[in-house]
Amino acid sequence: MRLKKERIATLAQNLVDRLTEQQLIHPEAPKAELVSSLEQIITEELMVEDRLDVEVRQILDTYKAQIEKGQVDERKMFLMIKKQLARERGIIL
C-alpha cells in the first residue's frame, strides 16, 4: 500500500480530530505533536509492508524459470508468499 506524504498527513489529522471530537482521547500533548507522531507511526507501518514486498520479490526470483514457462502464476504466487511471510512474522496487512 503506497500513500503520499500528503495523504498520510491528512489521514493522521482526520484521525486525531475525530478521536478528540468524540472524546475518545484527551491529549495532553499539543495536537500538532500528536498528529506528527501519528504520521510517523503510519509511515513506519507502511514501510513494513514495502520491505515485505521486496523480500517476496526476491523469493519470486527463484521461481523465475517456472513463471516464464507459465507453470506458475506470478501474481498468485506473490500473494501466497506474502501472506505466508506475514503470518509467520505476525504482520497484519
N, C-alpha and C. Protein backbone atom coordinates (compact mmCIF):
# COMPACT_ATOMS: atom_id res chain seq x y z
N MET A 1 0.85 -1.18 0.00
CA MET A 1 0.00 0.00 0.00
C MET A 1 0.89 1.23 0.00
N ARG A 2 0.67 2.09 -0.96
CA ARG A 2 1.53 3.26 -1.08
C ARG A 2 0.65 4.52 -0.97
N LEU A 3 1.01 5.33 -0.01
CA LEU A 3 0.31 6.60 0.17
C LEU A 3 1.32 7.73 0.12
N LYS A 4 0.91 8.83 -0.46
CA LYS A 4 1.77 10.01 -0.49
C LYS A 4 1.80 10.64 0.89
N LYS A 5 2.88 11.39 1.15
CA LYS A 5 3.04 12.05 2.45
C LYS A 5 1.84 12.93 2.79
N GLU A 6 1.32 13.60 1.78
CA GLU A 6 0.18 14.49 2.00
C GLU A 6 -1.04 13.70 2.46
N ARG A 7 -1.23 12.52 1.88
CA ARG A 7 -2.38 11.68 2.23
C ARG A 7 -2.22 11.15 3.66
N ILE A 8 -1.00 10.77 4.02
CA ILE A 8 -0.74 10.30 5.37
C ILE A 8 -0.99 11.42 6.38
N ALA A 9 -0.55 12.63 6.04
CA ALA A 9 -0.77 13.78 6.92
C ALA A 9 -2.27 14.04 7.12
N THR A 10 -3.01 13.99 6.03
CA THR A 10 -4.47 14.20 6.10
C THR A 10 -5.13 13.10 6.93
N LEU A 11 -4.71 11.88 6.71
CA LEU A 11 -5.26 10.75 7.46
C LEU A 11 -5.00 10.90 8.96
N ALA A 12 -3.77 11.26 9.32
CA ALA A 12 -3.42 11.44 10.72
C ALA A 12 -4.21 12.59 11.34
N GLN A 13 -4.32 13.69 10.61
CA GLN A 13 -5.06 14.85 11.11
C GLN A 13 -6.54 14.50 11.33
N ASN A 14 -7.14 13.83 10.36
CA ASN A 14 -8.55 13.44 10.48
C ASN A 14 -8.77 12.48 11.64
N LEU A 15 -7.85 11.55 11.82
CA LEU A 15 -7.98 10.59 12.91
C LEU A 15 -7.91 11.28 14.27
N VAL A 16 -6.94 12.16 14.43
CA VAL A 16 -6.82 12.89 15.70
C VAL A 16 -8.05 13.76 15.93
N ASP A 17 -8.51 14.44 14.88
CA ASP A 17 -9.71 15.28 15.00
C ASP A 17 -10.92 14.46 15.46
N ARG A 18 -11.14 13.35 14.81
CA ARG A 18 -12.32 12.53 15.14
C ARG A 18 -12.23 11.94 16.54
N LEU A 19 -11.07 11.43 16.90
CA LEU A 19 -10.92 10.86 18.24
C LEU A 19 -11.11 11.92 19.31
N THR A 20 -10.63 13.12 19.05
CA THR A 20 -10.78 14.22 20.00
C THR A 20 -12.23 14.68 20.08
N GLU A 21 -12.86 14.86 18.92
CA GLU A 21 -14.26 15.31 18.88
C GLU A 21 -15.19 14.34 19.59
N GLN A 22 -14.92 13.05 19.43
CA GLN A 22 -15.77 12.03 20.06
C GLN A 22 -15.34 11.76 21.50
N GLN A 23 -14.38 12.51 21.96
CA GLN A 23 -13.85 12.41 23.32
C GLN A 23 -13.37 11.01 23.66
N LEU A 24 -12.80 10.35 22.64
CA LEU A 24 -12.21 9.03 22.85
C LEU A 24 -10.78 9.15 23.34
N ILE A 25 -10.20 10.32 23.08
CA ILE A 25 -8.87 10.62 23.62
C ILE A 25 -8.90 12.03 24.20
N HIS A 26 -8.05 12.23 25.17
CA HIS A 26 -7.89 13.55 25.79
C HIS A 26 -6.39 13.85 25.79
N PRO A 27 -5.91 14.36 24.66
CA PRO A 27 -4.45 14.53 24.51
C PRO A 27 -3.87 15.53 25.51
N GLU A 28 -2.74 15.14 26.07
CA GLU A 28 -2.01 16.03 26.97
C GLU A 28 -0.96 16.81 26.20
N ALA A 29 -0.54 16.27 25.07
CA ALA A 29 0.45 16.94 24.22
C ALA A 29 -0.30 17.84 23.23
N PRO A 30 0.40 18.80 22.65
CA PRO A 30 -0.23 19.64 21.63
C PRO A 30 -0.72 18.78 20.45
N LYS A 31 -1.81 19.21 19.89
CA LYS A 31 -2.44 18.46 18.79
C LYS A 31 -1.46 18.24 17.63
N ALA A 32 -0.69 19.25 17.29
CA ALA A 32 0.27 19.14 16.18
C ALA A 32 1.31 18.05 16.46
N GLU A 33 1.72 17.94 17.70
CA GLU A 33 2.69 16.92 18.08
C GLU A 33 2.08 15.52 17.95
N LEU A 34 0.85 15.41 18.36
CA LEU A 34 0.14 14.13 18.25
C LEU A 34 -0.03 13.72 16.79
N VAL A 35 -0.40 14.66 15.96
CA VAL A 35 -0.56 14.39 14.52
C VAL A 35 0.77 13.97 13.92
N SER A 36 1.82 14.66 14.26
CA SER A 36 3.15 14.34 13.75
C SER A 36 3.58 12.93 14.15
N SER A 37 3.35 12.58 15.39
CA SER A 37 3.69 11.23 15.86
C SER A 37 2.89 10.16 15.13
N LEU A 38 1.63 10.44 14.92
CA LEU A 38 0.76 9.50 14.21
C LEU A 38 1.20 9.34 12.76
N GLU A 39 1.60 10.43 12.12
CA GLU A 39 2.13 10.36 10.76
C GLU A 39 3.34 9.44 10.70
N GLN A 40 4.22 9.58 11.66
CA GLN A 40 5.43 8.76 11.71
C GLN A 40 5.08 7.28 11.90
N ILE A 41 4.13 6.99 12.77
CA ILE A 41 3.72 5.62 13.02
C ILE A 41 3.11 5.00 11.76
N ILE A 42 2.24 5.74 11.10
CA ILE A 42 1.61 5.24 9.87
C ILE A 42 2.67 4.97 8.81
N THR A 43 3.60 5.89 8.65
CA THR A 43 4.67 5.74 7.67
C THR A 43 5.50 4.50 7.96
N GLU A 44 5.86 4.31 9.22
CA GLU A 44 6.66 3.14 9.60
C GLU A 44 5.92 1.84 9.31
N GLU A 45 4.62 1.81 9.58
CA GLU A 45 3.83 0.61 9.33
C GLU A 45 3.73 0.31 7.83
N LEU A 46 3.61 1.36 7.03
CA LEU A 46 3.56 1.15 5.58
C LEU A 46 4.91 0.66 5.06
N MET A 47 5.99 1.10 5.68
CA MET A 47 7.31 0.67 5.26
C MET A 47 7.53 -0.81 5.57
N VAL A 48 6.89 -1.32 6.60
CA VAL A 48 6.98 -2.75 6.91
C VAL A 48 6.45 -3.55 5.73
N GLU A 49 5.32 -3.13 5.19
CA GLU A 49 4.74 -3.83 4.04
C GLU A 49 5.62 -3.68 2.81
N ASP A 50 6.19 -2.51 2.62
CA ASP A 50 7.09 -2.31 1.47
C ASP A 50 8.30 -3.23 1.55
N ARG A 51 8.88 -3.36 2.74
CA ARG A 51 10.03 -4.25 2.91
C ARG A 51 9.63 -5.71 2.68
N LEU A 52 8.44 -6.06 3.11
CA LEU A 52 7.94 -7.42 2.89
C LEU A 52 7.77 -7.68 1.40
N ASP A 53 7.25 -6.70 0.66
CA ASP A 53 7.10 -6.84 -0.80
C ASP A 53 8.44 -7.08 -1.48
N VAL A 54 9.48 -6.37 -1.04
CA VAL A 54 10.82 -6.54 -1.62
C VAL A 54 11.30 -7.96 -1.37
N GLU A 55 11.11 -8.44 -0.17
CA GLU A 55 11.55 -9.80 0.16
C GLU A 55 10.78 -10.84 -0.66
N VAL A 56 9.49 -10.63 -0.84
CA VAL A 56 8.68 -11.56 -1.64
C VAL A 56 9.19 -11.58 -3.08
N ARG A 57 9.52 -10.42 -3.62
CA ARG A 57 10.04 -10.36 -5.00
C ARG A 57 11.37 -11.11 -5.12
N GLN A 58 12.19 -11.03 -4.08
CA GLN A 58 13.45 -11.76 -4.09
C GLN A 58 13.20 -13.26 -4.09
N ILE A 59 12.24 -13.71 -3.31
CA ILE A 59 11.89 -15.13 -3.29
C ILE A 59 11.32 -15.55 -4.64
N LEU A 60 10.50 -14.70 -5.23
CA LEU A 60 9.91 -15.00 -6.54
C LEU A 60 10.98 -15.18 -7.62
N ASP A 61 12.09 -14.49 -7.48
CA ASP A 61 13.17 -14.63 -8.45
C ASP A 61 13.64 -16.07 -8.56
N THR A 62 13.52 -16.83 -7.49
CA THR A 62 13.94 -18.24 -7.54
C THR A 62 12.98 -19.08 -8.39
N TYR A 63 11.79 -18.56 -8.65
CA TYR A 63 10.80 -19.26 -9.47
C TYR A 63 10.68 -18.65 -10.86
N LYS A 64 11.66 -17.84 -11.23
CA LYS A 64 11.62 -17.10 -12.49
C LYS A 64 11.42 -18.02 -13.70
N ALA A 65 12.13 -19.12 -13.74
CA ALA A 65 12.03 -20.04 -14.88
C ALA A 65 10.61 -20.61 -15.00
N GLN A 66 10.03 -21.02 -13.88
CA GLN A 66 8.67 -21.57 -13.90
C GLN A 66 7.65 -20.51 -14.30
N ILE A 67 7.88 -19.30 -13.85
CA ILE A 67 6.96 -18.20 -14.18
C ILE A 67 7.02 -17.93 -15.68
N GLU A 68 8.23 -17.87 -16.23
CA GLU A 68 8.39 -17.60 -17.66
C GLU A 68 7.79 -18.71 -18.52
N LYS A 69 7.83 -19.94 -18.04
CA LYS A 69 7.25 -21.07 -18.78
C LYS A 69 5.74 -21.15 -18.61
N GLY A 70 5.20 -20.34 -17.72
CA GLY A 70 3.76 -20.35 -17.49
C GLY A 70 3.33 -21.42 -16.52
N GLN A 71 4.27 -22.05 -15.84
CA GLN A 71 3.94 -23.10 -14.88
C GLN A 71 3.44 -22.53 -13.55
N VAL A 72 3.80 -21.29 -13.30
CA VAL A 72 3.43 -20.65 -12.04
C VAL A 72 2.85 -19.27 -12.36
N ASP A 73 1.71 -18.96 -11.75
CA ASP A 73 1.09 -17.64 -11.90
C ASP A 73 1.81 -16.68 -10.95
N GLU A 74 2.50 -15.70 -11.53
CA GLU A 74 3.34 -14.80 -10.73
C GLU A 74 2.55 -14.05 -9.67
N ARG A 75 1.43 -13.50 -10.04
CA ARG A 75 0.63 -12.70 -9.09
C ARG A 75 0.10 -13.57 -7.95
N LYS A 76 -0.38 -14.75 -8.32
CA LYS A 76 -0.92 -15.66 -7.32
C LYS A 76 0.19 -16.11 -6.35
N MET A 77 1.35 -16.42 -6.90
CA MET A 77 2.48 -16.85 -6.08
C MET A 77 2.94 -15.72 -5.18
N PHE A 78 2.97 -14.48 -5.70
CA PHE A 78 3.35 -13.32 -4.91
C PHE A 78 2.45 -13.19 -3.69
N LEU A 79 1.15 -13.28 -3.92
CA LEU A 79 0.19 -13.13 -2.82
C LEU A 79 0.31 -14.27 -1.81
N MET A 80 0.54 -15.49 -2.30
CA MET A 80 0.70 -16.64 -1.39
C MET A 80 1.93 -16.47 -0.51
N ILE A 81 3.05 -16.10 -1.11
CA ILE A 81 4.28 -15.93 -0.34
C ILE A 81 4.14 -14.79 0.65
N LYS A 82 3.57 -13.69 0.21
CA LYS A 82 3.39 -12.52 1.08
C LYS A 82 2.51 -12.87 2.27
N LYS A 83 1.42 -13.56 2.00
CA LYS A 83 0.50 -13.95 3.08
C LYS A 83 1.21 -14.87 4.07
N GLN A 84 1.99 -15.83 3.57
CA GLN A 84 2.70 -16.76 4.43
C GLN A 84 3.74 -16.05 5.30
N LEU A 85 4.53 -15.18 4.69
CA LEU A 85 5.54 -14.44 5.46
C LEU A 85 4.89 -13.53 6.50
N ALA A 86 3.80 -12.89 6.12
CA ALA A 86 3.10 -12.01 7.05
C ALA A 86 2.58 -12.81 8.25
N ARG A 87 2.03 -13.97 7.97
CA ARG A 87 1.51 -14.82 9.04
C ARG A 87 2.64 -15.26 9.97
N GLU A 88 3.76 -15.68 9.38
CA GLU A 88 4.90 -16.15 10.18
C GLU A 88 5.47 -15.05 11.07
N ARG A 89 5.40 -13.81 10.59
CA ARG A 89 6.01 -12.69 11.32
C ARG A 89 5.01 -11.88 12.13
N GLY A 90 3.75 -12.27 12.08
CA GLY A 90 2.74 -11.57 12.85
C GLY A 90 2.43 -10.20 12.30
N ILE A 91 2.57 -10.04 10.99
CA ILE A 91 2.29 -8.76 10.33
C ILE A 91 0.83 -8.76 9.87
N ILE A 92 0.11 -7.75 10.23
CA ILE A 92 -1.28 -7.63 9.79
C ILE A 92 -1.31 -6.71 8.57
N LEU A 93 -1.83 -7.25 7.48
CA LEU A 93 -1.87 -6.48 6.23
C LEU A 93 -3.23 -5.85 6.03
